[in-house]
N, C-alpha and C. Protein backbone atom coordinates (compact mmCIF):
# COMPACT_ATOMS: atom_id res chain seq x y z
N MET A 1 -41.78 -43.54 29.29
CA MET A 1 -41.63 -43.59 27.83
C MET A 1 -41.27 -42.08 27.36
N THR A 2 -41.98 -41.31 27.85
CA THR A 2 -41.38 -39.92 27.75
C THR A 2 -39.90 -39.51 28.06
N SER A 3 -39.56 -40.31 29.15
CA SER A 3 -38.10 -40.08 29.56
C SER A 3 -37.15 -40.51 28.35
N SER A 4 -37.56 -41.52 27.87
CA SER A 4 -36.69 -41.94 26.87
C SER A 4 -36.44 -41.17 25.61
N HIS A 5 -37.74 -40.57 25.17
CA HIS A 5 -37.51 -39.74 23.98
C HIS A 5 -37.32 -38.37 24.30
N SER A 6 -37.46 -37.95 25.56
CA SER A 6 -37.15 -36.62 25.77
C SER A 6 -35.81 -36.09 25.75
N PRO A 7 -34.83 -37.00 25.97
CA PRO A 7 -33.27 -36.33 25.77
C PRO A 7 -33.16 -36.52 24.09
N LYS A 8 -33.51 -37.33 23.36
CA LYS A 8 -33.40 -37.18 22.01
C LYS A 8 -34.15 -36.06 21.31
N PHE A 9 -35.06 -35.80 21.90
CA PHE A 9 -36.21 -34.74 21.28
C PHE A 9 -35.31 -33.35 21.72
N SER A 10 -34.59 -33.17 22.82
CA SER A 10 -34.24 -31.92 23.16
C SER A 10 -32.64 -32.04 22.50
N ALA A 11 -32.13 -32.66 22.28
CA ALA A 11 -30.96 -32.93 21.45
C ALA A 11 -31.12 -32.61 20.09
N THR A 12 -32.27 -33.15 19.36
CA THR A 12 -32.59 -32.69 18.19
C THR A 12 -33.10 -31.33 17.96
N SER A 13 -34.04 -30.91 19.08
CA SER A 13 -34.26 -29.66 18.89
C SER A 13 -33.02 -28.60 19.00
N GLU A 14 -32.32 -28.81 19.95
CA GLU A 14 -31.13 -28.02 20.15
C GLU A 14 -30.50 -28.11 18.63
N ARG A 15 -29.97 -29.13 18.14
CA ARG A 15 -29.29 -28.88 17.02
C ARG A 15 -30.23 -28.44 15.84
N ILE A 16 -31.44 -28.29 15.81
CA ILE A 16 -32.35 -27.35 14.85
C ILE A 16 -32.10 -26.00 15.18
N SER A 17 -32.17 -25.66 16.42
CA SER A 17 -32.15 -24.27 17.02
C SER A 17 -30.70 -23.76 16.39
N ASN A 18 -29.30 -24.62 16.80
CA ASN A 18 -28.10 -24.10 16.28
C ASN A 18 -27.96 -23.90 14.68
N LEU A 19 -28.86 -24.94 14.18
CA LEU A 19 -28.87 -24.73 12.86
C LEU A 19 -29.32 -23.63 12.11
N GLY A 20 -30.39 -23.05 13.11
CA GLY A 20 -31.13 -22.05 12.67
C GLY A 20 -30.25 -20.64 12.61
N ASP A 21 -29.43 -20.92 14.02
CA ASP A 21 -28.44 -19.71 14.43
C ASP A 21 -27.21 -19.82 13.34
N SER A 22 -26.84 -20.93 12.89
CA SER A 22 -25.90 -20.93 11.72
C SER A 22 -26.15 -20.17 10.70
N ARG A 23 -27.48 -20.59 10.20
CA ARG A 23 -28.07 -19.94 8.87
C ARG A 23 -27.89 -18.53 8.89
N GLU A 24 -28.44 -18.01 10.05
CA GLU A 24 -28.63 -16.69 10.36
C GLU A 24 -27.48 -16.11 10.45
N HIS A 25 -26.05 -16.93 10.98
CA HIS A 25 -24.61 -16.25 11.25
C HIS A 25 -24.26 -16.24 9.63
N ASP A 26 -24.60 -17.27 8.67
CA ASP A 26 -24.08 -17.17 7.64
C ASP A 26 -24.76 -16.22 6.71
N ARG A 27 -25.96 -15.80 6.91
CA ARG A 27 -26.73 -15.18 6.33
C ARG A 27 -25.97 -13.35 6.59
N ASP A 28 -25.86 -13.24 7.97
CA ASP A 28 -25.28 -12.11 8.48
C ASP A 28 -23.74 -11.85 7.84
N THR A 29 -23.21 -12.95 7.81
CA THR A 29 -21.88 -13.00 7.26
C THR A 29 -21.80 -12.49 5.99
N ALA A 30 -22.55 -13.27 5.05
CA ALA A 30 -22.67 -12.84 3.76
C ALA A 30 -22.90 -11.36 3.32
N GLU A 31 -24.00 -10.73 4.13
CA GLU A 31 -24.40 -9.66 4.11
C GLU A 31 -23.42 -8.54 4.40
N PHE A 32 -22.54 -8.92 5.58
CA PHE A 32 -21.40 -8.10 5.93
C PHE A 32 -20.52 -7.96 4.67
N ASP A 33 -20.03 -9.34 4.25
CA ASP A 33 -19.10 -9.39 3.14
C ASP A 33 -19.60 -8.77 1.82
N GLU A 34 -20.88 -8.61 1.49
CA GLU A 34 -21.39 -7.88 0.58
C GLU A 34 -21.22 -6.30 0.76
N SER A 35 -21.75 -5.83 2.00
CA SER A 35 -21.67 -4.73 2.37
C SER A 35 -20.08 -4.29 2.52
N LEU A 36 -19.25 -4.83 3.00
CA LEU A 36 -17.69 -4.78 3.07
C LEU A 36 -17.23 -4.44 1.43
N ARG A 37 -17.81 -5.52 0.70
CA ARG A 37 -17.30 -5.48 -0.92
C ARG A 37 -17.54 -4.06 -1.57
N GLN A 38 -18.69 -3.63 -1.22
CA GLN A 38 -19.33 -2.35 -1.75
C GLN A 38 -18.55 -1.00 -1.28
N SER A 39 -18.43 -1.18 0.01
CA SER A 39 -17.63 -0.18 0.79
C SER A 39 -16.21 0.03 0.08
N VAL A 40 -15.52 -1.16 0.01
CA VAL A 40 -14.38 -1.25 -0.56
C VAL A 40 -14.36 -0.78 -1.73
N GLN A 41 -15.29 -1.04 -2.75
CA GLN A 41 -15.19 -0.50 -4.05
C GLN A 41 -15.24 1.02 -4.12
N LYS A 42 -16.06 1.43 -3.24
CA LYS A 42 -16.26 3.04 -3.21
C LYS A 42 -14.63 3.57 -2.77
N ILE A 43 -14.10 2.71 -1.79
CA ILE A 43 -12.76 3.30 -1.33
C ILE A 43 -11.91 3.26 -2.45
N SER A 44 -11.51 2.15 -3.33
CA SER A 44 -10.87 2.22 -4.33
C SER A 44 -10.97 3.39 -5.51
N ILE A 45 -12.45 3.10 -5.58
CA ILE A 45 -12.53 4.59 -6.63
C ILE A 45 -12.25 5.77 -6.21
N GLY A 46 -12.10 6.33 -4.84
CA GLY A 46 -11.82 7.28 -4.29
C GLY A 46 -10.65 7.29 -4.21
N LEU A 47 -9.61 6.42 -4.02
CA LEU A 47 -8.15 6.31 -4.19
C LEU A 47 -7.74 6.44 -5.53
N TYR A 48 -8.38 6.00 -6.37
CA TYR A 48 -8.14 6.01 -7.78
C TYR A 48 -8.08 7.47 -8.28
N ASP A 49 -9.35 8.24 -7.76
CA ASP A 49 -9.54 9.51 -8.34
C ASP A 49 -8.41 10.35 -7.76
N PHE A 50 -8.15 10.03 -6.49
CA PHE A 50 -7.28 11.14 -5.77
C PHE A 50 -5.91 10.69 -6.51
N LEU A 51 -5.45 9.81 -6.57
CA LEU A 51 -4.00 9.45 -7.17
C LEU A 51 -4.03 9.97 -8.74
N ALA A 52 -5.05 9.98 -9.33
CA ALA A 52 -5.13 10.58 -10.77
C ALA A 52 -5.19 11.87 -10.69
N SER A 53 -5.68 12.52 -9.70
CA SER A 53 -5.94 14.12 -9.95
C SER A 53 -4.51 14.71 -9.36
N THR A 54 -4.05 14.01 -8.47
CA THR A 54 -2.86 14.30 -7.67
C THR A 54 -1.55 14.06 -8.22
N ARG A 55 -1.34 13.09 -9.40
CA ARG A 55 -0.18 12.51 -9.99
C ARG A 55 0.58 13.68 -10.76
N ARG A 56 -0.22 14.53 -11.54
CA ARG A 56 0.50 15.53 -12.00
C ARG A 56 0.86 16.45 -11.46
N LEU A 57 0.27 16.68 -10.11
CA LEU A 57 0.83 17.88 -9.25
C LEU A 57 1.86 17.22 -8.61
N GLY A 58 2.40 16.17 -8.43
CA GLY A 58 3.61 15.58 -7.93
C GLY A 58 4.67 15.45 -8.80
N GLU A 59 4.45 15.62 -10.09
CA GLU A 59 5.36 15.79 -11.09
C GLU A 59 5.97 17.15 -11.30
N ARG A 60 5.24 18.35 -10.87
CA ARG A 60 5.64 19.70 -11.17
C ARG A 60 7.16 19.98 -10.56
N PRO A 61 7.06 19.74 -9.12
CA PRO A 61 8.12 20.01 -8.48
C PRO A 61 9.48 19.02 -8.86
N ASN A 62 9.12 17.99 -9.39
CA ASN A 62 10.29 16.71 -9.50
C ASN A 62 10.79 17.46 -10.73
N ALA A 63 10.08 18.18 -12.05
CA ALA A 63 10.72 18.76 -13.11
C ALA A 63 11.48 19.92 -12.58
N ARG A 64 10.88 20.82 -11.77
CA ARG A 64 11.68 22.04 -11.24
C ARG A 64 12.90 21.61 -10.66
N MET A 65 13.07 20.55 -10.13
CA MET A 65 14.38 20.09 -8.97
C MET A 65 15.25 18.86 -10.31
N ASP A 66 14.82 18.83 -11.41
CA ASP A 66 15.72 17.93 -12.31
C ASP A 66 15.43 16.55 -11.67
N ILE A 67 14.64 15.98 -11.76
CA ILE A 67 14.32 14.34 -11.14
C ILE A 67 13.05 13.79 -11.70
N SER A 68 13.18 12.71 -12.40
CA SER A 68 12.12 12.41 -13.26
C SER A 68 11.02 11.68 -12.06
N GLN A 69 9.62 11.37 -12.50
CA GLN A 69 8.96 10.71 -11.74
C GLN A 69 9.52 9.36 -11.14
N SER A 70 9.69 8.43 -12.46
CA SER A 70 10.18 7.29 -12.14
C SER A 70 11.59 7.07 -11.06
N GLU A 71 12.48 8.34 -11.29
CA GLU A 71 13.61 8.42 -10.32
C GLU A 71 13.07 8.85 -8.74
N MET A 72 12.21 9.61 -8.62
CA MET A 72 11.52 9.86 -7.71
C MET A 72 10.96 8.79 -7.04
N GLU A 73 10.19 8.01 -7.83
CA GLU A 73 9.59 6.93 -7.05
C GLU A 73 10.50 5.61 -6.65
N VAL A 74 11.64 5.75 -7.28
CA VAL A 74 12.65 4.55 -6.89
C VAL A 74 13.64 5.42 -5.66
N LEU A 75 13.86 6.39 -5.57
CA LEU A 75 14.47 7.25 -4.66
C LEU A 75 13.71 6.92 -3.39
N HIS A 76 12.36 7.20 -3.43
CA HIS A 76 11.62 7.04 -2.21
C HIS A 76 11.26 5.66 -1.86
N PHE A 77 11.19 4.74 -2.64
CA PHE A 77 11.28 3.32 -2.26
C PHE A 77 12.44 2.67 -1.66
N ILE A 78 13.84 3.29 -2.00
CA ILE A 78 14.96 3.02 -1.43
C ILE A 78 15.19 3.76 0.07
N SER A 79 14.40 5.06 0.13
CA SER A 79 14.63 5.53 1.44
C SER A 79 13.47 4.87 2.53
N THR A 80 12.70 4.35 2.23
CA THR A 80 11.51 3.46 3.07
C THR A 80 11.92 1.98 3.16
N HIS A 81 12.93 1.47 2.13
CA HIS A 81 13.32 0.24 1.96
C HIS A 81 14.69 0.27 2.17
N PRO A 82 15.77 0.90 2.98
CA PRO A 82 17.07 0.83 3.00
C PRO A 82 17.71 -0.43 2.68
N GLY A 83 19.07 -0.59 1.98
CA GLY A 83 19.47 -1.94 1.68
C GLY A 83 18.79 -2.72 0.57
N CYS A 84 17.76 -2.21 0.12
CA CYS A 84 16.98 -3.02 -1.08
C CYS A 84 17.87 -3.17 -2.16
N GLY A 85 17.47 -4.19 -3.14
CA GLY A 85 18.59 -4.30 -4.33
C GLY A 85 17.27 -3.90 -5.36
N VAL A 86 17.68 -3.90 -6.96
CA VAL A 86 17.11 -3.49 -7.98
C VAL A 86 15.80 -4.45 -8.11
N SER A 87 16.20 -5.99 -7.87
CA SER A 87 15.09 -6.94 -8.15
C SER A 87 14.04 -6.53 -7.15
N ASP A 88 14.55 -6.27 -5.65
CA ASP A 88 13.22 -6.02 -4.81
C ASP A 88 12.54 -4.58 -5.54
N ILE A 89 13.32 -3.69 -5.91
CA ILE A 89 12.54 -2.48 -6.28
C ILE A 89 11.45 -2.85 -7.58
N ALA A 90 12.10 -3.75 -8.44
CA ALA A 90 11.26 -4.09 -9.69
C ALA A 90 10.14 -5.23 -9.24
N ARG A 91 10.23 -5.87 -8.61
CA ARG A 91 9.20 -6.90 -8.11
C ARG A 91 8.00 -6.07 -7.31
N LEU A 92 8.41 -5.24 -6.54
CA LEU A 92 7.34 -4.72 -5.43
C LEU A 92 6.52 -3.38 -6.19
N ARG A 93 7.45 -2.96 -7.06
CA ARG A 93 6.65 -2.11 -8.12
C ARG A 93 5.96 -2.27 -9.55
N PHE A 94 6.51 -3.51 -9.63
CA PHE A 94 5.62 -3.85 -10.86
C PHE A 94 6.49 -3.37 -12.10
N LEU A 95 8.03 -3.48 -11.84
CA LEU A 95 8.50 -2.57 -13.12
C LEU A 95 9.68 -3.62 -13.51
N ARG A 96 10.16 -3.45 -14.87
CA ARG A 96 11.07 -4.15 -15.46
C ARG A 96 12.34 -4.01 -14.53
N PRO A 97 13.33 -5.32 -14.45
CA PRO A 97 14.34 -4.79 -14.05
C PRO A 97 15.52 -4.03 -14.77
N SER A 98 15.27 -4.30 -15.88
CA SER A 98 16.28 -3.21 -17.00
C SER A 98 16.06 -1.93 -16.57
N ASN A 99 14.47 -1.58 -16.42
CA ASN A 99 14.24 -0.13 -16.24
C ASN A 99 14.42 0.42 -14.75
N VAL A 100 14.41 -0.46 -13.76
CA VAL A 100 14.85 -0.06 -12.59
C VAL A 100 16.25 0.00 -12.82
N SER A 101 17.04 -0.73 -13.29
CA SER A 101 18.64 -0.78 -13.53
C SER A 101 18.96 0.78 -13.89
N ALA A 102 18.31 1.24 -15.12
CA ALA A 102 18.68 2.26 -15.74
C ALA A 102 18.29 3.41 -14.77
N THR A 103 17.11 3.45 -14.09
CA THR A 103 17.05 4.59 -13.17
C THR A 103 17.87 4.61 -11.83
N VAL A 104 18.32 3.46 -11.37
CA VAL A 104 19.37 3.27 -10.16
C VAL A 104 20.68 3.98 -10.69
N ARG A 105 20.80 3.58 -12.25
CA ARG A 105 22.17 4.15 -12.86
C ARG A 105 22.21 5.71 -12.51
N ARG A 106 20.86 6.17 -13.05
CA ARG A 106 20.90 7.97 -13.25
C ARG A 106 20.97 8.10 -11.73
N LEU A 107 20.31 7.61 -10.78
CA LEU A 107 20.44 7.93 -9.29
C LEU A 107 21.93 8.24 -8.69
N LEU A 108 22.42 7.41 -9.06
CA LEU A 108 24.09 6.97 -8.61
C LEU A 108 24.72 7.85 -9.08
N ASP A 109 24.54 8.10 -10.64
CA ASP A 109 25.34 9.09 -11.14
C ASP A 109 25.22 10.45 -10.84
N ASN A 110 24.08 10.99 -10.24
CA ASN A 110 23.66 12.17 -9.63
C ASN A 110 23.74 12.33 -8.16
N GLY A 111 24.43 11.24 -7.46
CA GLY A 111 24.97 11.31 -6.51
C GLY A 111 23.89 11.33 -5.34
N LEU A 112 22.57 10.63 -5.87
CA LEU A 112 21.56 10.71 -5.00
C LEU A 112 21.14 9.57 -4.27
N ILE A 113 21.99 8.18 -4.58
CA ILE A 113 22.04 7.27 -3.95
C ILE A 113 23.32 6.57 -3.92
N LYS A 114 23.58 5.67 -2.99
CA LYS A 114 24.85 5.00 -3.03
C LYS A 114 24.51 3.56 -3.07
N ARG A 115 25.39 2.66 -3.18
CA ARG A 115 25.36 1.14 -2.90
C ARG A 115 26.56 0.67 -2.22
N GLU A 116 26.27 -0.66 -1.69
CA GLU A 116 27.14 -1.37 -1.02
C GLU A 116 27.23 -2.76 -1.26
N ASN A 117 28.22 -3.48 -1.32
CA ASN A 117 28.15 -4.47 -1.36
C ASN A 117 27.49 -5.53 -0.43
N ASN A 118 26.58 -6.49 -1.02
CA ASN A 118 25.83 -7.38 0.10
C ASN A 118 26.82 -8.23 0.51
N ALA A 119 26.95 -8.48 1.89
CA ALA A 119 27.50 -9.09 2.78
C ALA A 119 27.27 -10.71 2.31
N LYS A 120 26.38 -11.19 1.98
CA LYS A 120 25.73 -12.67 1.97
C LYS A 120 25.67 -13.09 0.45
N ASP A 121 25.66 -12.25 -0.62
CA ASP A 121 25.87 -12.35 -2.08
C ASP A 121 26.64 -11.25 -2.56
N ARG A 122 27.70 -12.08 -3.30
CA ARG A 122 28.75 -10.65 -3.65
C ARG A 122 28.38 -10.26 -5.17
N ARG A 123 27.23 -10.92 -5.51
CA ARG A 123 27.03 -10.32 -6.92
C ARG A 123 25.69 -9.31 -6.62
N ALA A 124 25.21 -9.30 -5.33
CA ALA A 124 24.07 -8.20 -5.20
C ALA A 124 24.81 -6.95 -4.46
N GLN A 125 24.01 -5.85 -4.70
CA GLN A 125 24.33 -4.60 -3.93
C GLN A 125 23.08 -4.19 -3.12
N ASN A 126 23.41 -3.60 -1.96
CA ASN A 126 22.28 -3.20 -1.32
C ASN A 126 22.37 -1.52 -1.57
N LEU A 127 21.24 -0.79 -1.70
CA LEU A 127 21.15 0.63 -2.20
C LEU A 127 20.68 1.28 -1.20
N TYR A 128 21.01 2.47 -0.93
CA TYR A 128 20.84 3.49 0.37
C TYR A 128 20.73 4.99 -0.29
N VAL A 129 19.97 5.71 0.38
CA VAL A 129 19.79 6.83 -0.21
C VAL A 129 21.12 7.80 0.52
N SER A 130 21.84 8.55 -0.46
CA SER A 130 22.79 9.41 -0.03
C SER A 130 22.55 10.70 0.66
N GLU A 131 23.35 11.35 1.26
CA GLU A 131 22.87 12.76 1.88
C GLU A 131 22.18 13.66 0.96
N ASP A 132 22.96 13.71 -0.40
CA ASP A 132 22.20 14.60 -1.20
C ASP A 132 20.86 14.29 -1.62
N GLY A 133 20.47 12.79 -1.69
CA GLY A 133 19.51 12.24 -2.00
C GLY A 133 18.53 12.63 -0.82
N GLN A 134 18.87 12.51 0.36
CA GLN A 134 18.13 12.67 1.56
C GLN A 134 17.61 14.24 1.49
N GLU A 135 18.49 15.08 0.92
CA GLU A 135 18.01 16.53 0.94
C GLU A 135 17.14 16.77 -0.03
N MET A 136 17.33 15.88 -1.02
CA MET A 136 16.53 16.27 -2.57
C MET A 136 15.11 15.65 -1.68
N LEU A 137 14.90 14.71 -1.27
CA LEU A 137 13.64 13.85 -0.62
C LEU A 137 13.06 15.06 0.33
N GLY A 138 13.84 15.62 0.93
CA GLY A 138 13.26 16.53 1.97
C GLY A 138 12.53 17.66 1.13
N GLN A 139 13.35 18.17 0.19
CA GLN A 139 12.58 19.44 -0.54
C GLN A 139 11.37 18.79 -1.39
N LEU A 140 11.53 17.61 -2.11
CA LEU A 140 10.25 17.26 -2.48
C LEU A 140 9.15 17.04 -1.72
N ILE A 141 9.37 16.42 -0.65
CA ILE A 141 8.44 16.17 0.21
C ILE A 141 7.67 17.38 0.97
N ASP A 142 8.86 18.34 1.14
CA ASP A 142 8.01 19.70 1.61
C ASP A 142 7.29 20.29 0.42
N HIS A 143 7.45 20.28 -0.74
CA HIS A 143 6.82 20.96 -1.58
C HIS A 143 5.36 20.26 -1.92
N TRP A 144 5.54 18.98 -1.80
CA TRP A 144 4.51 18.05 -2.27
C TRP A 144 3.57 18.24 -0.82
N GLY A 145 3.81 18.33 0.29
CA GLY A 145 3.11 18.78 1.60
C GLY A 145 2.52 20.09 1.39
N ASP A 146 3.17 21.24 0.93
CA ASP A 146 3.03 22.53 0.60
C ASP A 146 1.45 22.29 -0.43
N MET A 147 1.67 21.68 -1.46
CA MET A 147 0.34 21.66 -2.40
C MET A 147 -0.78 20.75 -1.95
N VAL A 148 -0.56 19.85 -1.08
CA VAL A 148 -1.54 18.92 -0.46
C VAL A 148 -2.23 20.22 0.63
N TYR A 149 -1.58 20.79 1.44
CA TYR A 149 -2.15 21.59 2.07
C TYR A 149 -2.94 22.52 1.57
N GLN A 150 -2.31 23.46 0.58
CA GLN A 150 -3.27 24.16 -0.18
C GLN A 150 -4.69 23.74 -0.50
N ILE A 151 -4.66 22.26 -0.95
CA ILE A 151 -5.64 21.53 -1.32
C ILE A 151 -6.51 21.47 -0.20
N VAL A 152 -6.07 20.95 0.96
CA VAL A 152 -6.83 20.53 2.15
C VAL A 152 -7.57 21.80 2.57
N ARG A 153 -6.88 22.81 2.76
CA ARG A 153 -7.28 24.24 2.95
C ARG A 153 -8.71 24.40 2.37
N THR A 154 -8.83 23.92 1.20
CA THR A 154 -10.43 24.39 0.74
C THR A 154 -11.61 23.15 1.27
N MET A 155 -10.96 22.28 2.13
CA MET A 155 -11.93 21.41 2.59
C MET A 155 -12.41 21.65 3.80
N SER A 156 -13.48 21.28 4.35
CA SER A 156 -14.38 21.55 5.61
C SER A 156 -13.55 21.05 6.77
N SER A 157 -13.71 21.99 7.84
CA SER A 157 -12.99 21.36 9.32
C SER A 157 -13.25 19.73 9.28
N LYS A 158 -14.45 19.38 9.22
CA LYS A 158 -14.87 18.00 9.67
C LYS A 158 -14.13 17.09 8.67
N ASP A 159 -14.11 17.45 7.36
CA ASP A 159 -13.57 16.51 6.27
C ASP A 159 -11.97 16.40 6.82
N ILE A 160 -11.63 17.57 7.01
CA ILE A 160 -9.92 17.65 7.50
C ILE A 160 -9.97 16.63 8.72
N ARG A 161 -10.60 16.78 9.89
CA ARG A 161 -10.75 16.20 10.96
C ARG A 161 -10.64 14.27 10.39
N SER A 162 -11.65 14.07 9.41
CA SER A 162 -11.74 12.73 8.98
C SER A 162 -10.55 12.30 8.32
N LEU A 163 -10.00 12.91 7.83
CA LEU A 163 -8.77 12.71 7.11
C LEU A 163 -7.67 12.41 7.97
N ILE A 164 -7.34 13.22 9.10
CA ILE A 164 -6.42 12.91 10.06
C ILE A 164 -6.52 11.51 10.70
N LYS A 165 -8.04 11.45 11.21
CA LYS A 165 -8.31 9.86 11.72
C LYS A 165 -7.94 8.81 10.81
N ALA A 166 -7.93 9.18 9.70
CA ALA A 166 -7.98 8.11 8.62
C ALA A 166 -6.41 7.75 8.31
N LEU A 167 -5.50 8.66 8.57
CA LEU A 167 -4.15 8.37 8.23
C LEU A 167 -3.49 7.03 8.69
N PRO A 168 -3.82 6.92 9.81
CA PRO A 168 -3.22 5.35 10.38
C PRO A 168 -3.79 4.47 9.20
N SER A 169 -4.89 4.41 9.14
CA SER A 169 -5.57 3.05 8.28
C SER A 169 -5.18 3.22 6.80
N LEU A 170 -4.83 4.32 6.20
CA LEU A 170 -4.03 4.62 4.96
C LEU A 170 -2.73 4.29 4.97
N LEU A 171 -2.16 4.43 6.07
CA LEU A 171 -0.79 3.99 6.03
C LEU A 171 -0.58 2.49 6.07
N LYS A 172 -1.66 1.64 6.99
CA LYS A 172 -1.94 0.43 6.97
C LYS A 172 -2.18 -0.28 5.53
N LEU A 173 -3.04 0.51 4.88
CA LEU A 173 -3.25 -0.08 3.66
C LEU A 173 -2.55 -0.09 2.56
N ALA A 174 -1.36 0.98 2.76
CA ALA A 174 -0.25 0.95 1.88
C ALA A 174 0.77 -0.54 2.37
N GLU A 175 0.71 -0.67 3.50
CA GLU A 175 1.67 -1.55 4.02
C GLU A 175 1.30 -2.93 3.75
N HIS A 176 -0.32 -3.13 3.75
CA HIS A 176 -0.83 -4.43 3.38
C HIS A 176 -0.68 -4.66 1.83
N SER A 177 -0.73 -3.47 1.10
CA SER A 177 -0.64 -3.45 -0.12
C SER A 177 0.53 -4.24 -0.91
N GLU A 178 1.70 -3.84 -0.10
CA GLU A 178 3.00 -3.91 -0.25
C GLU A 178 3.03 -5.50 -0.20
N SER A 179 2.70 -5.81 0.97
CA SER A 179 2.80 -7.42 1.41
C SER A 179 1.93 -8.40 0.39
N PHE A 180 0.76 -7.95 -0.18
CA PHE A 180 -0.12 -8.36 -0.91
C PHE A 180 0.59 -8.59 -2.55
N VAL A 181 1.02 -7.57 -3.04
CA VAL A 181 2.01 -7.73 -4.22
C VAL A 181 3.20 -8.61 -3.82
N GLU A 182 3.89 -8.46 -2.82
CA GLU A 182 5.04 -9.33 -2.68
C GLU A 182 4.44 -10.82 -2.50
N GLU A 183 3.39 -11.09 -1.94
CA GLU A 183 2.97 -12.65 -1.59
C GLU A 183 2.47 -13.05 -3.34
N HIS A 184 1.77 -12.26 -4.11
CA HIS A 184 1.38 -12.50 -5.49
C HIS A 184 2.63 -12.62 -6.56
N GLN A 185 3.72 -11.95 -6.10
CA GLN A 185 4.98 -12.00 -6.84
C GLN A 185 5.39 -13.15 -6.53
N ARG A 186 5.52 -13.55 -5.05
CA ARG A 186 6.53 -14.77 -4.67
C ARG A 186 5.82 -16.03 -5.36
N ARG A 187 4.43 -15.93 -5.47
CA ARG A 187 3.63 -17.06 -6.11
C ARG A 187 3.64 -17.22 -7.67
N GLN A 188 3.95 -16.07 -8.12
CA GLN A 188 4.13 -15.79 -9.46
C GLN A 188 2.32 -16.08 -10.00
N GLU A 189 1.58 -15.31 -9.30
CA GLU A 189 0.17 -15.35 -9.41
C GLU A 189 -0.40 -14.13 -10.20
N PRO A 190 -1.24 -14.40 -11.05
CA PRO A 190 -1.63 -13.29 -11.74
C PRO A 190 -2.83 -12.52 -10.74
N PHE A 191 -3.21 -11.10 -10.94
CA PHE A 191 -4.06 -10.45 -10.06
C PHE A 191 -5.52 -10.68 -10.58
């Protein structure tokens, strides 16, 4: 009699044990998710504060070099996405195509970018940074780097090492952000 009930009891006992493990796993997962959410909240506040405090600093060299912030943003985007078009810039930067077109026209007029016909679509044009644009970008990046260097010099060695270690993750965050935006734009979903 015990032999016929023993396997059932054993199987049931194992299921109950696994159920307990499953609940514990779910609780651990929920705690991890909440902890991650709180950490990401802190990261997002830190990134926002950093961007807000440094955005105006970034505009200063632009004004000195006679390029607007929007022109700089589009120029930089084209440098990191060679062959892109106006619609790509507008979509991935949440800008109106008409505003991007106007900015692209100014960059073309100033010789900072060049355009080539798209081989697959005669109506489309691919945008590239010109030699003058590369020189302008280099000057702006050097100046921006000098400003950030002055800021970083006020930090502790430990914090500086932490920033250096975080750089690959920050670059990945930028890459994933762009993919996230592109996917939402493609689906036409609100954030």
